[in-house]
Protein backbone atom coordinates (compact mmCIF):
# COMPACT_ATOMS: atom_id res chain seq x y z
CA MET A 1 0.00 0.00 0.00
CA ASN A 2 0.92 3.64 -0.43
CA ILE A 3 0.65 5.27 2.99
CA ILE A 4 1.00 8.92 3.95
CA VAL A 5 1.84 10.02 7.49
CA LEU A 6 0.68 13.57 8.26
CA SER A 7 3.37 14.85 10.62
CA ARG A 8 5.29 18.09 11.15
CA SER A 9 8.64 16.27 11.39
CA THR A 10 10.25 13.06 10.21
CA LYS A 11 12.42 13.05 13.36
CA LEU A 12 9.67 12.57 15.92
CA TYR A 13 9.86 9.16 17.62
CA SER A 14 6.25 8.18 16.85
CA THR A 15 6.56 9.20 13.21
CA CYS A 16 9.86 7.31 12.82
CA ARG A 17 8.43 4.15 14.35
CA ILE A 18 5.33 4.19 12.17
CA VAL A 19 7.44 4.69 9.03
CA GLU A 20 9.78 1.90 10.12
CA ALA A 21 6.93 -0.53 10.82
CA ALA A 22 5.21 0.22 7.49
CA ARG A 23 8.39 -0.33 5.50
CA GLU A 24 9.19 -3.54 7.37
CA ARG A 25 5.81 -4.87 6.22
CA GLY A 26 6.52 -3.95 2.61
CA HIS A 27 4.53 -0.74 2.26
CA SER A 28 5.53 2.52 0.60
CA VAL A 29 5.31 5.32 3.16
CA ARG A 30 5.89 9.04 2.98
CA VAL A 31 5.84 11.74 5.67
CA ILE A 32 3.98 14.91 4.68
CA ASP A 33 3.83 18.16 6.66
CA PRO A 34 0.10 19.02 6.78
CA LEU A 35 0.85 22.74 6.98
CA ARG A 36 2.62 22.55 3.59
CA CYS A 37 -0.45 20.98 1.99
CA TYR A 38 -3.13 22.91 0.16
CA VAL A 39 -6.35 21.61 -1.27
CA LYS A 40 -8.64 21.90 -4.26
CA VAL A 41 -12.25 21.57 -3.13
CA SER A 42 -14.31 20.19 -5.99
CA ALA A 43 -17.34 17.95 -6.26
CA HIS A 44 -15.77 15.84 -9.00
CA ARG A 45 -11.98 15.99 -8.60
CA PRO A 46 -10.90 16.95 -5.09
CA GLU A 47 -7.13 17.21 -4.76
CA VAL A 48 -4.40 17.62 -2.16
CA HIS A 49 -1.26 19.44 -3.31
CA TYR A 50 2.10 19.30 -1.55
CA ARG A 51 4.99 21.55 -2.57
CA GLY A 52 3.51 21.85 -6.07
CA GLU A 53 2.82 18.11 -6.45
CA ILE A 54 -0.64 16.53 -6.64
CA LEU A 55 -0.79 13.63 -4.19
CA LYS A 56 -2.27 10.64 -6.01
CA SER A 57 -2.75 6.89 -5.53
CA VAL A 58 -2.81 7.08 -1.73
CA ASP A 59 -4.33 4.06 0.01
CA ALA A 60 -4.24 5.20 3.64
CA VAL A 61 -3.34 8.26 5.68
CA ILE A 62 -2.09 8.24 9.27
CA PRO A 63 -2.74 11.59 10.98
CA ARG A 64 -0.18 12.65 13.60
CA ILE A 65 -1.77 16.07 14.04
CA GLY A 66 -0.71 18.12 17.05
CA ALA A 67 -3.29 20.06 19.07
CA SER A 68 -1.92 23.42 17.88
CA ILE A 69 -2.77 22.64 14.23
CA THR A 70 -6.03 20.73 14.75
CA PHE A 71 -8.15 22.99 12.53
CA TYR A 72 -5.86 22.99 9.49
CA GLY A 73 -4.68 19.42 9.96
CA ALA A 74 -8.26 18.15 10.14
CA ALA A 75 -9.13 20.11 6.98
CA VAL A 76 -6.28 18.43 5.07
CA LEU A 77 -7.28 15.02 6.42
CA ARG A 78 -10.91 15.67 5.46
CA GLN A 79 -9.75 16.38 1.90
CA PHE A 80 -8.06 12.97 1.74
CA GLU A 81 -11.34 11.45 2.95
CA MET A 82 -13.17 13.24 0.12
CA MET A 83 -10.71 11.55 -2.26
CA GLY A 84 -11.67 8.13 -0.87
CA VAL A 85 -8.44 7.60 1.08
CA PHE A 86 -8.76 5.49 4.24
CA PRO A 87 -7.92 7.51 7.41
CA LEU A 88 -6.53 5.73 10.46
CA ASN A 89 -8.54 8.23 12.51
CA GLU A 90 -11.27 10.25 10.81
CA SER A 91 -11.12 14.06 10.86
CA VAL A 92 -14.43 14.49 12.68
CA ALA A 93 -13.32 12.08 15.41
CA ILE A 94 -10.06 13.98 15.93
CA SER A 95 -11.90 17.30 16.19
CA ARG A 96 -14.43 15.76 18.59
CA SER A 97 -11.77 14.38 20.92
CA ARG A 98 -9.78 17.64 20.93
CA ASP A 99 -12.77 19.49 22.41
CA LYS A 100 -12.35 18.56 26.09
CA LEU A 101 -15.84 19.64 27.14
CA ARG A 102 -17.63 18.02 24.22
CA SER A 103 -15.74 14.77 24.66
CA LEU A 104 -16.55 14.62 28.39
CA GLN A 105 -20.23 15.28 27.67
CA LEU A 106 -20.30 12.50 25.07
CA LEU A 107 -18.58 10.05 27.42
CA ALA A 108 -20.90 10.98 30.32
CA ARG A 109 -23.97 10.51 28.13
CA ARG A 110 -22.82 6.95 27.41
CA GLY A 111 -22.20 6.13 31.07
CA ILE A 112 -18.39 6.29 31.17
CA GLY A 113 -17.06 7.06 34.66
CA LEU A 114 -15.50 10.55 34.82
CA PRO A 115 -14.19 13.01 37.41
CA VAL A 116 -16.93 15.44 38.49
CA THR A 117 -16.50 18.41 36.14
CA GLY A 118 -17.83 21.97 36.04
CA PHE A 119 -18.03 24.56 33.27
CA ALA A 120 -19.23 28.17 33.45
CA PHE A 121 -18.95 31.47 31.59
CA SER A 122 -19.78 34.18 34.12
CA PRO A 123 -17.26 35.12 36.87
CA ASP A 124 -20.27 35.69 39.17
CA ASP A 125 -20.61 31.89 39.36
CA ASN A 126 -17.14 31.21 40.81
CA GLU A 127 -18.21 30.05 44.27
CA ASP A 128 -20.87 27.66 42.99
CA LEU A 129 -18.55 26.40 40.23
CA ILE A 130 -15.95 25.49 42.85
CA ASN A 131 -18.45 23.85 45.18
CA LEU A 132 -20.16 21.75 42.54
CA VAL A 133 -16.94 19.72 42.08
CA GLY A 134 -16.50 19.31 45.83
CA GLY A 135 -14.43 22.39 46.62
CA ALA A 136 -10.68 22.64 47.08
CA PRO A 137 -8.37 21.06 46.30
CA LEU A 138 -9.56 21.04 42.70
CA VAL A 139 -8.07 21.05 39.20
CA ILE A 140 -8.66 23.89 36.72
CA LYS A 141 -7.98 23.11 33.04
CA LEU A 142 -7.87 25.27 29.95
CA LEU A 143 -9.98 23.71 27.18
CA GLU A 144 -7.12 24.28 24.72
CA GLY A 145 -4.34 22.91 26.95
CA THR A 146 -2.17 19.92 26.02
CA GLN A 147 0.67 17.86 27.55
CA GLY A 148 -0.18 19.22 30.99
CA MET A 149 -0.01 22.88 29.97
CA GLY A 150 -2.87 25.05 31.19
CA VAL A 151 -3.64 22.66 34.07
CA VAL A 152 -3.55 24.12 37.60
CA LEU A 153 -4.06 22.51 41.01
CA ALA A 154 -5.79 24.96 43.35
CA GLU A 155 -5.30 23.86 46.96
CA THR A 156 -7.75 26.34 48.51
CA ASN A 157 -11.01 27.91 47.38
CA LYS A 158 -9.35 31.33 47.47
CA ALA A 159 -6.57 30.10 45.16
CA ALA A 160 -9.19 28.59 42.84
CA GLU A 161 -11.04 31.90 42.65
CA SER A 162 -7.79 33.68 41.74
CA VAL A 163 -7.01 31.22 38.94
CA ILE A 164 -10.58 31.39 37.61
CA ASP A 165 -10.47 35.19 37.64
CA ALA A 166 -7.17 35.10 35.74
CA PHE A 167 -8.57 32.76 33.09
CA HIS A 168 -11.70 34.92 32.80
CA GLY A 169 -9.43 37.95 32.32
CA LEU A 170 -7.79 36.17 29.38
CA ASN A 171 -11.22 35.32 27.90
CA ALA A 172 -10.20 31.68 28.07
CA TYR A 173 -12.61 28.75 28.39
CA PHE A 174 -11.78 26.29 31.16
CA LEU A 175 -13.11 23.41 33.25
CA THR A 176 -13.08 22.83 36.98
CA GLN A 177 -12.63 19.21 38.03
CA GLU A 178 -12.47 17.24 41.24
CA PHE A 179 -8.94 16.45 42.40
CA ILE A 180 -8.48 12.71 42.90
CA GLN A 181 -5.94 12.87 45.70
CA GLU A 182 -5.91 9.13 46.34
CA ALA A 183 -4.33 8.53 42.91
CA GLY A 184 -1.09 9.95 44.30
CA GLY A 185 -0.13 11.75 41.09
CA SER A 186 -0.45 8.65 38.91
CA ASP A 187 -2.65 7.70 36.00
CA ILE A 188 -2.82 4.95 33.39
CA ARG A 189 -2.46 5.36 29.63
CA CYS A 190 -4.30 2.64 27.71
CA PHE A 191 -3.32 2.40 24.05
CA VAL A 192 -6.30 1.28 22.01
CA VAL A 193 -6.01 -0.10 18.48
CA GLY A 194 -9.30 -1.21 16.98
CA ASP A 195 -11.27 -3.09 19.64
CA LYS A 196 -8.28 -3.94 21.85
CA VAL A 197 -6.03 -2.34 24.43
CA VAL A 198 -2.69 -3.38 22.96
CA ALA A 199 -0.58 -1.88 25.78
CA SER A 200 -0.98 0.02 29.02
CA MET A 201 1.43 1.93 31.26
CA MET A 202 1.39 3.67 34.60
CA ARG A 203 2.55 7.30 34.59
CA GLN A 204 3.80 8.64 37.91
CA ALA A 205 4.30 12.36 38.47
CA LYS A 206 7.67 13.46 39.80
CA GLU A 207 7.90 14.60 43.42
CA GLY A 208 6.14 17.89 44.04
CA GLU A 209 4.13 17.65 40.78
CA PHE A 210 0.55 16.42 40.32
CA ARG A 211 0.66 16.15 36.51
CA SER A 212 1.92 12.76 35.35
CA ASN A 213 2.66 13.73 31.73
CA VAL A 214 5.99 12.40 30.46
CA HIS A 215 6.71 15.92 29.12
CA ARG A 216 6.47 17.08 32.76
CA GLY A 217 9.01 14.56 33.99
CA GLY A 218 6.59 11.74 34.78
CA GLN A 219 8.01 8.22 35.07
CA VAL A 220 6.43 5.31 33.20
CA SER A 221 6.14 1.59 33.86
CA SER A 222 4.11 -1.32 32.58
CA VAL A 223 0.86 -1.97 34.47
CA ARG A 224 -1.84 -4.64 34.52
CA ILE A 225 -5.29 -3.15 34.06
CA THR A 226 -8.60 -4.59 35.19
CA PRO A 227 -11.23 -5.97 32.79
CA GLU A 228 -13.41 -2.96 33.67
CA GLU A 229 -10.61 -0.52 32.81
CA ARG A 230 -9.97 -2.35 29.55
CA SER A 231 -13.66 -2.17 28.65
CA SER A 232 -13.88 1.54 29.57
CA ALA A 233 -10.85 2.38 27.41
CA VAL A 234 -12.20 0.58 24.35
CA ARG A 235 -15.68 2.06 24.82
CA ALA A 236 -14.27 5.58 25.25
CA ALA A 237 -12.30 5.32 22.01
CA LYS A 238 -15.36 3.97 20.21
CA ILE A 239 -17.58 6.79 21.52
CA MET A 240 -15.09 9.31 20.13
CA GLY A 241 -15.06 7.41 16.82
CA LEU A 242 -11.32 6.76 17.04
CA ASN A 243 -9.67 3.60 15.72
CA VAL A 244 -6.42 4.42 17.53
CA ALA A 245 -6.43 6.33 20.82
CA GLY A 246 -4.61 6.88 24.06
CA VAL A 247 -7.19 6.71 26.85
CA ASP A 248 -6.06 8.16 30.18
CA ILE A 249 -7.59 6.56 33.27
CA MET A 250 -7.20 7.42 36.96
CA ARG A 251 -7.99 5.11 39.86
CA SER A 252 -10.22 6.78 42.47
CA ASN A 253 -12.01 5.66 45.62
CA HIS A 254 -15.23 5.44 43.61
CA GLY A 255 -13.70 3.40 40.77
CA SER A 256 -11.57 4.12 37.73
CA VAL A 257 -12.46 7.26 35.77
CA VAL A 258 -11.55 8.38 32.26
CA LEU A 259 -9.65 11.68 32.16
CA GLU A 260 -9.12 12.17 28.44
CA VAL A 261 -9.09 10.45 25.05
CA ASN A 262 -6.07 11.37 22.91
CA SER A 263 -6.35 11.00 19.12
CA SER A 264 -2.56 11.17 18.46
CA PRO A 265 -1.02 9.27 21.37
CA GLY A 266 2.76 9.13 21.50
CA LEU A 267 4.52 5.78 21.13
CA GLU A 268 7.87 6.39 22.81
CA GLY A 269 6.97 6.11 26.48
CA ILE A 270 4.57 3.20 26.15
CA GLU A 271 6.71 1.15 23.75
CA ARG A 272 9.71 1.49 26.05
CA ALA A 273 7.69 0.78 29.20
CA THR A 274 5.95 -2.31 27.82
CA GLY A 275 8.27 -3.62 25.09
CA LYS A 276 5.26 -3.87 22.78
CA ASP A 277 5.57 -3.12 19.04
CA ILE A 278 2.62 -0.74 18.89
CA ALA A 279 3.67 0.75 15.54
CA ALA A 280 3.34 -2.70 13.94
CA ALA A 281 -0.12 -3.13 15.49
CA ILE A 282 -1.21 0.16 13.89
CA ILE A 283 0.04 -0.92 10.44
CA GLN A 284 -1.63 -4.33 10.81
CA PHE A 285 -4.92 -2.58 11.61
CA ILE A 286 -4.62 -0.52 8.41
CA GLU A 287 -3.83 -3.65 6.38
CA LYS A 288 -7.01 -5.27 7.69
CA HIS A 289 -9.38 -2.33 7.31
CA ALA A 290 -8.13 0.02 4.58
CA ARG A 291 -10.45 0.09 1.59
CA ALA A 292 -10.97 2.83 -0.98
CA GLY A 293 -13.83 5.07 0.08
CA LYS A 294 -14.05 3.55 3.56
CA THR A 295 -13.81 6.51 5.89
CA ARG A 296 -15.52 5.13 8.97
CA THR A 297 -14.81 1.95 10.95
CA ARG A 298 -15.89 3.01 14.46
CA GLY A 299 -19.25 3.96 15.90
CA ARG A 300 -20.15 7.62 16.21
CA GLY A 301 -20.62 9.16 19.65
């Protein structure tokens, strides 16, 4: 097959591993920067151009689209879908999962366990917004944040009010969320491919930090998950419409809860922690499901 990987850089670990796995299985693969693509929108002959070249005869596209370029990256991916190219993850599913509030609402509607979450517009509602998630300590998250950025732990109600006021002053949308103290700064990343969790790892925040993201110095290790956690991870990915996803779970006193569903999960930490060849699993999924004009393999949430 002719496969395109939409990625800003050929040097990123995840991109390199996907390219390596595809070539090992005999496929032709090319890395394309989505921001250097431009499109011809037409009812009869839609096209994607890259550096003056029309991209043709593409069988599958693997989007590695960062949060900062979601809008443009999804538009380029959508153009490939219009051309009948099979997407590993569909553009609408990526956009859905990147909207933190929308994704939580969709998961809650389908009965997925979540941290208690609040959302408000008016600064007059600060006190009630804090109390509806149980009061301090609580977590305040920017809707546009990624890799732990824009996530603040407020240890007192007064501190929470100050952070909320600051975010209001920036005209930024944010969530308040209960702080699951019993997790001890750890969470679990479940890597879903198709209908299976192919690998899972524990992420532990460094001392003095509550965010477990690897980019924040979090340590990773392999972990055994429960059947319930496995089911929740697969269901969460399916609700988002994602064929490949990183589902973040935290263990609380009232059961495991889903924190987030990531549409472009990194491979480096989890491959090294588990020894699993996740890149090969992704390519095998494409081999099994890629068909011309087939742009949906998961249920819609």
